[in-house]
Amino acid sequence: MKNSARAALLAASLVGPFTSCARAGELTEQVRALNALQGSMAQGATGARAAISAQIERIEQVVGALDGDAWKDRSNTAAAAIFLFCGGPARSVRKIVDAHLVPEAETQLLDGALAYAEGRFEEATKLLTALDARAYTDTLAAHLALIQGGLSISSDKAKARELFDLARLLMPSSLVEEAALRRELSIVDAVQDPNKFLVLGRRYGAQYAKSPFSRNYWDEMRAATLRAAVGGNSSRFAEFRAMLKGAPAALRFETHMGVARYAILNGRVALATTETQYAGPLADSAAARARVEFYRAALAGLTGDFETAASEFQKIDPGTLSSADLEVRNIVTAAIARLQGGSDGASSAAATAPEPEQTRPESTVERSARQALTDADALLQRATRR
C-alpha cells in the first residue's frame, strides 16, 4: 500500500503546473493521475484527499483549454466521462456538451455521465444502463460498470452483482474496486451465500481497511457476524469473527457484546463466555468495563455461582443499563431463581428489578429465552457441562 501511495503522489507531481494550452493526451494523463490519487486514498494514504481536490481543479482547467477539434478524439470524451464518474464537477464538461463539440457517437455516454454527476439518476439510468461496458477501454469500462451496478441495485440485484464483479476485476487496487466491494457486500446475503460474502470481505479487509469509507464495510461485517452467530454453525461463525480483527476496537467490542447477549438469551453459555472474554480487553471506558462485569456476573449465575451473581447484580444501578441489558438482567435473574429453586439469594436479586420491567409485556426475545430455560435442571446441566 505504501508503494502505491508513493506512486500515486509522484504521478500527480509529475504532471506539473497547468499551462493555458492543453497538449495532446493531457486530459487522459490528468484523469489517470486522479484515479491513482483516489486509489491511494482508498488504501489509506494520508494527504491524498487534499491532492485530489487540487487535481480536480487542474482537470477542469484542462477541459476548458481544449479546442473544439480535440473533442473529436475519443480518448478525450472517455477521459471526460471518467472524470465525472470520479466525482468531478459537471460544469466544465457541461459547457463542452452544450456547445455540441462532442461527436454524436459519444453523446450518449457523456449525456449519461452528466446526468449522473448532476443527480438526474432516472435519466442516467436510461442512458447508461443501455451501454455495454465491455465495449470500452478497461478504465472507462470499470467506472461505467460500477455506476451501472449502483443504478441497477433496486431493480436487478443479480445484474448489479455481475457489474460490480466486472468493475473490480477491471480495476484492482483502486477506488473503483473499493466501492464495488462495499456495494456488492451490501446486497450479498451473508446467510444464503456466505462463501461469496467472505471472499468479498477478505479482499476488502486486505486492501481497504484504512479507507475513509470503510465504516460501511465494518458495519456490514458486524451485522453478518451477528447473523452467523444466530445460525449456529461454529466454524462458519469463527470465519466471520476473524474478519473483524482489523475493525476499530469500539466496533469489535459492540459485536462481541451483541453476540454474548444473544448467546445468554438462548442458553448458549459457552459462546457467551467466549465473547465476553473477547470483549474485556476492548472495554475502554468505565461504562464499557461495567457492562463486561455485568455479563460476567450473569454467566456466573448461569453456571451455578448464584452468590456471585446476586452480589454483583445488587451493585448495579438499573438506571445505568440499556434496555437490551435490562432485558438480559431480568431474564437471567428469573433463570437463576428457577435454577436455585427460589432460594433467598436469587429472590433478593429478583426483588431489585424495577417494577415497570416486571410488569411490562414479555418481548419476543424473552419468550424465546424462557422457552430455552423451561427445564431448569437441563439448563444447569448444560451450562455446567459447557
Protein backbone atom coordinates (compact mmCIF):
# COMPACT_ATOMS: atom_id res chain seq x y z
CA MET A 1 0.00 0.00 0.00
CA LYS A 2 2.86 2.42 0.84
CA ASN A 3 4.41 1.88 -2.57
CA SER A 4 1.12 2.51 -4.38
CA ALA A 5 0.56 5.67 -2.35
CA ARG A 6 4.02 6.99 -3.22
CA ALA A 7 3.46 6.14 -6.86
CA ALA A 8 0.14 7.99 -6.90
CA LEU A 9 1.55 11.11 -5.29
CA LEU A 10 4.54 11.01 -7.62
CA ALA A 11 2.20 10.70 -10.61
CA ALA A 12 0.40 13.85 -9.52
CA SER A 13 3.63 15.77 -9.01
CA LEU A 14 4.97 14.79 -12.41
CA VAL A 15 2.00 16.39 -14.17
CA GLY A 16 3.47 19.80 -13.39
CA PRO A 17 1.80 23.19 -13.43
CA PHE A 18 -1.05 23.87 -15.79
CA THR A 19 -0.43 25.85 -18.95
CA SER A 20 -3.10 27.70 -20.94
CA CYS A 21 -2.70 25.44 -23.98
CA ALA A 22 -3.56 21.82 -23.24
CA ARG A 23 -1.28 19.43 -25.07
CA ALA A 24 -2.40 16.24 -26.82
CA GLY A 25 -3.17 13.49 -24.37
CA GLU A 26 -3.03 15.80 -21.35
CA LEU A 27 -6.64 15.24 -20.27
CA THR A 28 -6.14 11.47 -20.31
CA GLU A 29 -2.93 11.86 -18.34
CA GLN A 30 -4.51 14.11 -15.74
CA VAL A 31 -7.50 11.81 -15.25
CA ARG A 32 -5.14 8.86 -14.90
CA ALA A 33 -3.36 10.76 -12.13
CA LEU A 34 -6.71 11.43 -10.44
CA ASN A 35 -7.50 7.72 -10.48
CA ALA A 36 -4.12 6.96 -8.94
CA LEU A 37 -4.69 9.50 -6.16
CA GLN A 38 -8.14 8.13 -5.43
CA GLY A 39 -6.72 4.62 -5.31
CA SER A 40 -4.11 5.68 -2.78
CA MET A 41 -6.81 7.37 -0.69
CA ALA A 42 -8.84 4.16 -0.71
CA GLN A 43 -5.82 2.34 0.70
CA GLY A 44 -5.37 4.87 3.49
CA ALA A 45 -2.69 7.23 2.16
CA THR A 46 -2.56 10.40 4.23
CA GLY A 47 -2.73 13.65 2.31
CA ALA A 48 -4.40 12.07 -0.70
CA ARG A 49 -7.67 13.95 -0.23
CA ALA A 50 -6.02 17.35 -0.45
CA ALA A 51 -4.12 16.27 -3.55
CA ILE A 52 -7.37 15.02 -5.12
CA SER A 53 -9.04 18.41 -4.71
CA ALA A 54 -6.12 20.12 -6.43
CA GLN A 55 -6.12 17.53 -9.18
CA ILE A 56 -9.83 18.04 -9.89
CA GLU A 57 -9.25 21.78 -10.29
CA ARG A 58 -6.38 21.07 -12.67
CA ILE A 59 -8.56 18.77 -14.80
CA GLU A 60 -11.29 21.40 -15.03
CA GLN A 61 -8.70 23.82 -16.39
CA VAL A 62 -7.54 21.28 -18.97
CA VAL A 63 -11.11 20.62 -20.12
CA GLY A 64 -11.63 24.35 -20.61
CA ALA A 65 -8.36 24.72 -22.55
CA LEU A 66 -9.05 22.01 -25.14
CA ASP A 67 -10.13 23.34 -28.52
CA GLY A 68 -13.10 22.04 -30.49
CA ASP A 69 -11.07 19.66 -32.64
CA ALA A 70 -9.65 17.96 -29.52
CA TRP A 71 -13.11 16.60 -28.68
CA LYS A 72 -13.13 14.60 -31.89
CA ASP A 73 -10.55 12.40 -30.19
CA ARG A 74 -12.41 9.60 -28.46
CA SER A 75 -9.80 9.43 -25.70
CA ASN A 76 -10.81 12.91 -24.54
CA THR A 77 -14.51 12.12 -24.33
CA ALA A 78 -13.63 8.92 -22.46
CA ALA A 79 -11.45 10.89 -20.04
CA ALA A 80 -14.23 13.44 -19.52
CA ALA A 81 -16.71 10.67 -18.69
CA ILE A 82 -14.25 9.06 -16.25
CA PHE A 83 -13.70 12.46 -14.63
CA LEU A 84 -17.44 12.78 -13.99
CA PHE A 85 -17.66 9.19 -12.70
CA CYS A 86 -14.77 10.02 -10.33
CA GLY A 87 -16.91 12.71 -8.74
CA GLY A 88 -15.63 15.64 -10.77
CA PRO A 89 -17.99 18.64 -11.03
CA ALA A 90 -20.11 18.77 -14.15
CA ARG A 91 -19.76 22.45 -15.04
CA SER A 92 -16.71 22.26 -17.29
CA VAL A 93 -17.92 19.21 -19.24
CA ARG A 94 -21.43 20.66 -19.43
CA LYS A 95 -20.07 23.61 -21.46
CA ILE A 96 -18.47 21.21 -23.95
CA VAL A 97 -21.67 19.22 -24.42
CA ASP A 98 -23.87 22.31 -24.68
CA ALA A 99 -21.53 23.66 -27.37
CA HIS A 100 -22.10 20.43 -29.37
CA LEU A 101 -18.39 19.71 -29.58
CA VAL A 102 -18.78 16.01 -28.79
CA PRO A 103 -19.13 13.55 -31.72
CA GLU A 104 -22.58 12.02 -31.99
CA ALA A 105 -21.22 8.55 -31.30
CA GLU A 106 -20.07 9.70 -27.86
CA THR A 107 -23.05 11.83 -26.84
CA GLN A 108 -24.98 9.08 -25.04
CA LEU A 109 -22.00 8.30 -22.81
CA LEU A 110 -21.32 11.92 -21.92
CA ASP A 111 -25.01 12.82 -21.59
CA GLY A 112 -25.41 9.88 -19.22
CA ALA A 113 -22.31 10.79 -17.25
CA LEU A 114 -23.54 14.38 -16.92
CA ALA A 115 -26.98 13.22 -15.80
CA TYR A 116 -25.33 11.08 -13.13
CA ALA A 117 -22.99 13.86 -11.98
CA GLU A 118 -25.90 16.32 -11.82
CA GLY A 119 -28.08 13.96 -9.79
CA ARG A 120 -30.59 13.16 -12.52
CA PHE A 121 -30.47 9.45 -11.78
CA GLU A 122 -33.59 8.35 -13.65
CA GLU A 123 -32.22 9.84 -16.87
CA ALA A 124 -28.76 8.50 -16.09
CA THR A 125 -30.21 5.01 -15.68
CA LYS A 126 -31.87 5.13 -19.10
CA LEU A 127 -28.76 6.41 -20.83
CA LEU A 128 -26.01 4.47 -19.07
CA THR A 129 -27.52 1.04 -18.44
CA ALA A 130 -28.14 0.67 -22.18
CA LEU A 131 -24.40 0.83 -22.85
CA ASP A 132 -22.13 -2.23 -22.91
CA ALA A 133 -19.29 -1.51 -20.50
CA ARG A 134 -17.12 -4.15 -22.13
CA ALA A 135 -17.02 -2.14 -25.36
CA TYR A 136 -14.78 0.47 -23.76
CA THR A 137 -11.19 0.54 -22.56
CA ASP A 138 -10.60 -1.06 -19.17
CA THR A 139 -10.56 2.09 -17.04
CA LEU A 140 -13.71 3.56 -18.56
CA ALA A 141 -15.36 0.13 -18.56
CA ALA A 142 -14.61 -0.30 -14.85
CA HIS A 143 -16.05 3.09 -13.94
CA LEU A 144 -19.10 2.58 -16.13
CA ALA A 145 -19.76 -0.90 -14.71
CA LEU A 146 -19.55 0.49 -11.17
CA ILE A 147 -22.07 3.23 -11.96
CA GLN A 148 -24.34 0.80 -13.84
CA GLY A 149 -24.27 -1.57 -10.87
CA GLY A 150 -25.27 1.17 -8.47
CA LEU A 151 -28.13 2.23 -10.73
CA SER A 152 -29.32 -1.40 -11.03
CA ILE A 153 -29.42 -2.37 -7.34
CA SER A 154 -33.08 -1.53 -6.80
CA SER A 155 -34.31 -3.27 -9.96
CA ASP A 156 -31.96 -6.22 -10.51
CA LYS A 157 -29.58 -7.22 -7.73
CA ALA A 158 -28.18 -10.16 -9.68
CA LYS A 159 -27.26 -7.86 -12.58
CA ALA A 160 -25.79 -5.35 -10.13
CA ARG A 161 -23.57 -8.05 -8.64
CA GLU A 162 -22.29 -9.03 -12.10
CA LEU A 163 -21.44 -5.42 -12.84
CA PHE A 164 -19.67 -4.90 -9.53
CA ASP A 165 -17.64 -8.05 -10.18
CA LEU A 166 -16.69 -6.71 -13.60
CA ALA A 167 -15.72 -3.31 -12.21
CA ARG A 168 -13.42 -4.67 -9.53
CA LEU A 169 -11.77 -7.17 -11.86
CA LEU A 170 -11.02 -4.50 -14.47
CA MET A 171 -9.56 -2.03 -11.97
CA PRO A 172 -7.99 -3.77 -8.94
CA SER A 173 -6.35 -1.77 -6.14
CA SER A 174 -8.40 1.32 -6.89
CA LEU A 175 -11.26 3.37 -5.53
CA VAL A 176 -13.44 1.65 -8.13
CA GLU A 177 -12.69 -1.76 -6.63
CA GLU A 178 -13.14 -0.41 -3.10
CA ALA A 179 -16.58 0.99 -3.95
CA ALA A 180 -17.59 -2.11 -5.93
CA LEU A 181 -16.70 -4.35 -2.98
CA ARG A 182 -18.62 -2.20 -0.50
CA ARG A 183 -21.71 -2.05 -2.68
CA GLU A 184 -21.68 -5.73 -3.52
CA LEU A 185 -21.27 -6.67 0.14
CA SER A 186 -24.40 -4.65 0.89
CA ILE A 187 -26.52 -6.82 -1.42
CA VAL A 188 -24.95 -10.28 -0.90
CA ASP A 189 -26.85 -12.29 1.70
CA ALA A 190 -24.26 -13.49 4.21
CA VAL A 191 -26.56 -16.32 5.29
CA GLN A 192 -27.61 -17.55 1.84
CA ASP A 193 -24.22 -17.04 0.16
CA PRO A 194 -21.58 -16.95 2.93
CA ASN A 195 -18.72 -18.04 0.70
CA LYS A 196 -19.18 -15.10 -1.68
CA PHE A 197 -19.59 -12.70 1.24
CA LEU A 198 -16.38 -13.92 2.85
CA VAL A 199 -14.41 -13.71 -0.40
CA LEU A 200 -15.50 -10.11 -0.90
CA GLY A 201 -14.96 -9.27 2.75
CA ARG A 202 -11.46 -10.70 2.87
CA ARG A 203 -10.45 -8.78 -0.24
CA TYR A 204 -11.78 -5.55 1.21
CA GLY A 205 -10.16 -6.12 4.59
CA ALA A 206 -6.79 -6.87 2.98
CA GLN A 207 -6.77 -3.84 0.69
CA TYR A 208 -9.04 -1.16 2.07
CA ALA A 209 -9.31 -1.48 5.84
CA LYS A 210 -8.00 2.09 6.17
CA SER A 211 -10.25 3.57 3.51
CA PRO A 212 -12.14 6.68 4.65
CA PHE A 213 -15.27 4.83 3.53
CA SER A 214 -14.55 1.63 5.46
CA ARG A 215 -17.14 2.32 8.18
CA ASN A 216 -19.87 0.94 5.91
CA TYR A 217 -17.81 -2.21 5.40
CA TRP A 218 -17.26 -2.75 9.10
CA ASP A 219 -20.96 -2.24 9.78
CA GLU A 220 -21.76 -4.91 7.18
CA MET A 221 -19.23 -7.28 8.75
CA ARG A 222 -20.64 -6.69 12.24
CA ALA A 223 -24.19 -7.44 11.09
CA ALA A 224 -23.01 -10.54 9.21
CA THR A 225 -21.10 -11.80 12.27
CA LEU A 226 -24.19 -11.45 14.44
CA ARG A 227 -26.25 -13.34 11.85
CA ALA A 228 -23.60 -16.06 11.70
CA ALA A 229 -23.79 -16.44 15.48
CA VAL A 230 -27.53 -16.95 15.26
CA GLY A 231 -27.00 -19.55 12.53
CA GLY A 232 -25.29 -21.89 15.00
CA ASN A 233 -22.50 -23.10 12.68
CA SER A 234 -19.49 -22.59 14.94
CA SER A 235 -16.82 -22.97 12.23
CA ARG A 236 -18.61 -20.54 9.94
CA PHE A 237 -19.10 -18.10 12.80
CA ALA A 238 -15.38 -18.27 13.56
CA GLU A 239 -14.64 -17.23 9.96
CA PHE A 240 -16.83 -14.17 10.27
CA ARG A 241 -15.44 -13.29 13.69
CA ALA A 242 -11.88 -13.46 12.32
CA MET A 243 -12.83 -10.86 9.71
CA LEU A 244 -13.30 -8.29 12.47
CA LYS A 245 -9.69 -8.36 13.69
CA GLY A 246 -8.87 -5.22 11.74
CA ALA A 247 -12.02 -3.36 12.79
CA PRO A 248 -11.99 -0.40 15.18
CA ALA A 249 -11.89 -1.53 18.81
CA ALA A 250 -15.26 0.04 19.62
CA LEU A 251 -16.99 -1.88 16.84
CA ARG A 252 -15.34 -5.15 17.87
CA PHE A 253 -16.45 -4.54 21.46
CA GLU A 254 -20.06 -3.97 20.45
CA THR A 255 -20.01 -7.04 18.20
CA HIS A 256 -18.67 -9.35 20.92
CA MET A 257 -21.16 -7.97 23.43
CA GLY A 258 -24.01 -8.33 20.95
CA VAL A 259 -23.15 -11.99 20.36
CA ALA A 260 -22.78 -12.55 24.11
CA ARG A 261 -26.24 -11.09 24.70
CA TYR A 262 -27.78 -13.31 22.03
CA ALA A 263 -25.97 -16.36 23.45
CA ILE A 264 -27.14 -15.70 27.03
CA LEU A 265 -30.74 -15.30 25.94
CA ASN A 266 -30.58 -18.58 24.06
CA GLY A 267 -28.82 -20.72 26.66
CA ARG A 268 -25.50 -20.87 24.76
CA VAL A 269 -23.34 -20.29 27.81
CA ALA A 270 -20.01 -21.34 26.29
CA LEU A 271 -20.42 -18.93 23.39
CA ALA A 272 -21.46 -16.12 25.72
CA THR A 273 -18.44 -16.75 27.94
CA THR A 274 -16.03 -16.69 24.99
CA GLU A 275 -17.48 -13.49 23.55
CA THR A 276 -17.41 -11.74 26.94
CA GLN A 277 -13.76 -12.70 27.30
CA TYR A 278 -13.00 -11.23 23.87
CA ALA A 279 -14.83 -8.03 24.80
CA GLY A 280 -12.99 -7.49 28.09
CA PRO A 281 -9.69 -6.10 26.75
CA LEU A 282 -11.62 -3.86 24.32
CA ALA A 283 -13.60 -2.08 27.04
CA ASP A 284 -12.08 1.41 27.01
CA SER A 285 -14.44 3.27 29.35
CA ALA A 286 -15.90 2.85 32.82
CA ALA A 287 -19.33 2.14 31.31
CA ALA A 288 -17.93 -0.50 28.95
CA ARG A 289 -15.98 -2.20 31.75
CA ALA A 290 -19.08 -2.21 33.97
CA ARG A 291 -21.04 -3.81 31.16
CA VAL A 292 -18.46 -6.59 30.83
CA GLU A 293 -18.59 -7.21 34.58
CA PHE A 294 -22.37 -7.35 34.41
CA TYR A 295 -22.24 -10.04 31.72
CA ARG A 296 -19.65 -11.99 33.70
CA ALA A 297 -21.98 -11.90 36.70
CA ALA A 298 -24.86 -13.12 34.58
CA LEU A 299 -22.75 -16.01 33.32
CA ALA A 300 -21.65 -16.83 36.86
CA GLY A 301 -25.28 -17.26 37.80
CA LEU A 302 -26.00 -19.47 34.81
CA THR A 303 -23.07 -21.71 35.69
CA GLY A 304 -24.17 -22.18 39.30
CA ASP A 305 -22.33 -19.38 41.16
CA PHE A 306 -25.54 -17.85 42.46
CA GLU A 307 -23.96 -15.85 45.27
CA THR A 308 -21.58 -14.01 42.95
CA ALA A 309 -24.37 -13.24 40.52
CA ALA A 310 -26.69 -11.98 43.24
CA SER A 311 -23.93 -9.89 44.82
CA GLU A 312 -22.91 -8.28 41.54
CA PHE A 313 -26.50 -7.63 40.50
CA GLN A 314 -27.11 -5.84 43.77
CA LYS A 315 -24.26 -3.43 42.92
CA ILE A 316 -25.72 -2.50 39.56
CA ASP A 317 -27.91 0.56 39.22
CA PRO A 318 -30.60 -0.50 36.73
CA GLY A 319 -30.74 3.09 35.51
CA THR A 320 -27.25 2.72 34.02
CA LEU A 321 -28.23 -0.27 31.87
CA SER A 322 -29.52 -0.05 28.33
CA SER A 323 -32.95 -1.51 27.62
CA ALA A 324 -31.24 -4.52 25.99
CA ASP A 325 -29.09 -5.17 29.06
CA LEU A 326 -32.06 -4.66 31.38
CA GLU A 327 -33.75 -7.41 29.41
CA VAL A 328 -30.73 -9.66 29.97
CA ARG A 329 -30.70 -8.83 33.68
CA ASN A 330 -34.35 -9.61 34.22
CA ILE A 331 -34.26 -12.85 32.22
CA VAL A 332 -31.07 -14.07 33.89
CA THR A 333 -32.47 -13.17 37.31
CA ALA A 334 -35.57 -15.25 36.55
CA ALA A 335 -33.43 -18.10 35.24
CA ILE A 336 -31.26 -18.06 38.37
CA ALA A 337 -34.38 -18.18 40.52
CA ARG A 338 -35.50 -21.31 38.69
CA LEU A 339 -32.06 -22.89 38.84
CA GLN A 340 -31.72 -22.13 42.52
CA GLY A 341 -35.21 -23.33 43.27
CA GLY A 342 -36.40 -19.98 44.63
CA SER A 343 -33.76 -19.59 47.40
CA ASP A 344 -33.38 -16.29 49.20
CA GLY A 345 -30.29 -15.14 47.30
CA ALA A 346 -31.89 -15.23 43.89
CA SER A 347 -35.19 -13.97 45.23
CA SER A 348 -33.35 -10.98 46.68
CA ALA A 349 -31.70 -10.30 43.33
CA ALA A 350 -35.02 -10.62 41.59
CA ALA A 351 -36.61 -8.22 44.01
CA THR A 352 -34.26 -5.45 42.92
CA ALA A 353 -35.56 -5.46 39.35
CA PRO A 354 -37.54 -2.29 38.59
CA GLU A 355 -41.27 -2.66 38.90
CA PRO A 356 -42.03 -1.39 35.34
CA GLU A 357 -39.73 -4.05 33.91
CA GLN A 358 -41.52 -6.77 35.89
CA THR A 359 -44.95 -5.81 34.67
CA ARG A 360 -44.27 -4.87 31.05
CA PRO A 361 -45.43 -7.32 28.34
CA GLU A 362 -42.99 -10.11 27.59
CA SER A 363 -40.92 -9.45 24.47
CA THR A 364 -40.22 -11.89 21.66
CA VAL A 365 -36.66 -12.32 22.92
CA GLU A 366 -37.87 -13.02 26.41
CA ARG A 367 -40.33 -15.62 25.17
CA SER A 368 -37.54 -17.30 23.21
CA ALA A 369 -35.24 -17.27 26.22
CA ARG A 370 -37.89 -18.53 28.60
CA GLN A 371 -38.64 -21.37 26.21
CA ALA A 372 -34.93 -22.30 26.27
CA LEU A 373 -34.93 -22.15 30.08
CA THR A 374 -38.17 -24.05 30.74
CA ASP A 375 -36.40 -27.08 32.17
CA ALA A 376 -34.16 -25.54 34.82
CA ASP A 377 -32.34 -28.72 35.65
CA ALA A 378 -31.49 -29.32 32.00
CA LEU A 379 -30.18 -25.80 31.64
CA LEU A 380 -28.00 -26.14 34.73
CA GLN A 381 -26.56 -29.42 33.49
CA ARG A 382 -25.87 -27.91 30.06
CA ALA A 383 -24.31 -24.78 31.50
CA THR A 384 -22.09 -26.75 33.87
CA ARG A 385 -21.07 -29.17 31.13
CA ARG A 386 -20.02 -26.31 28.86
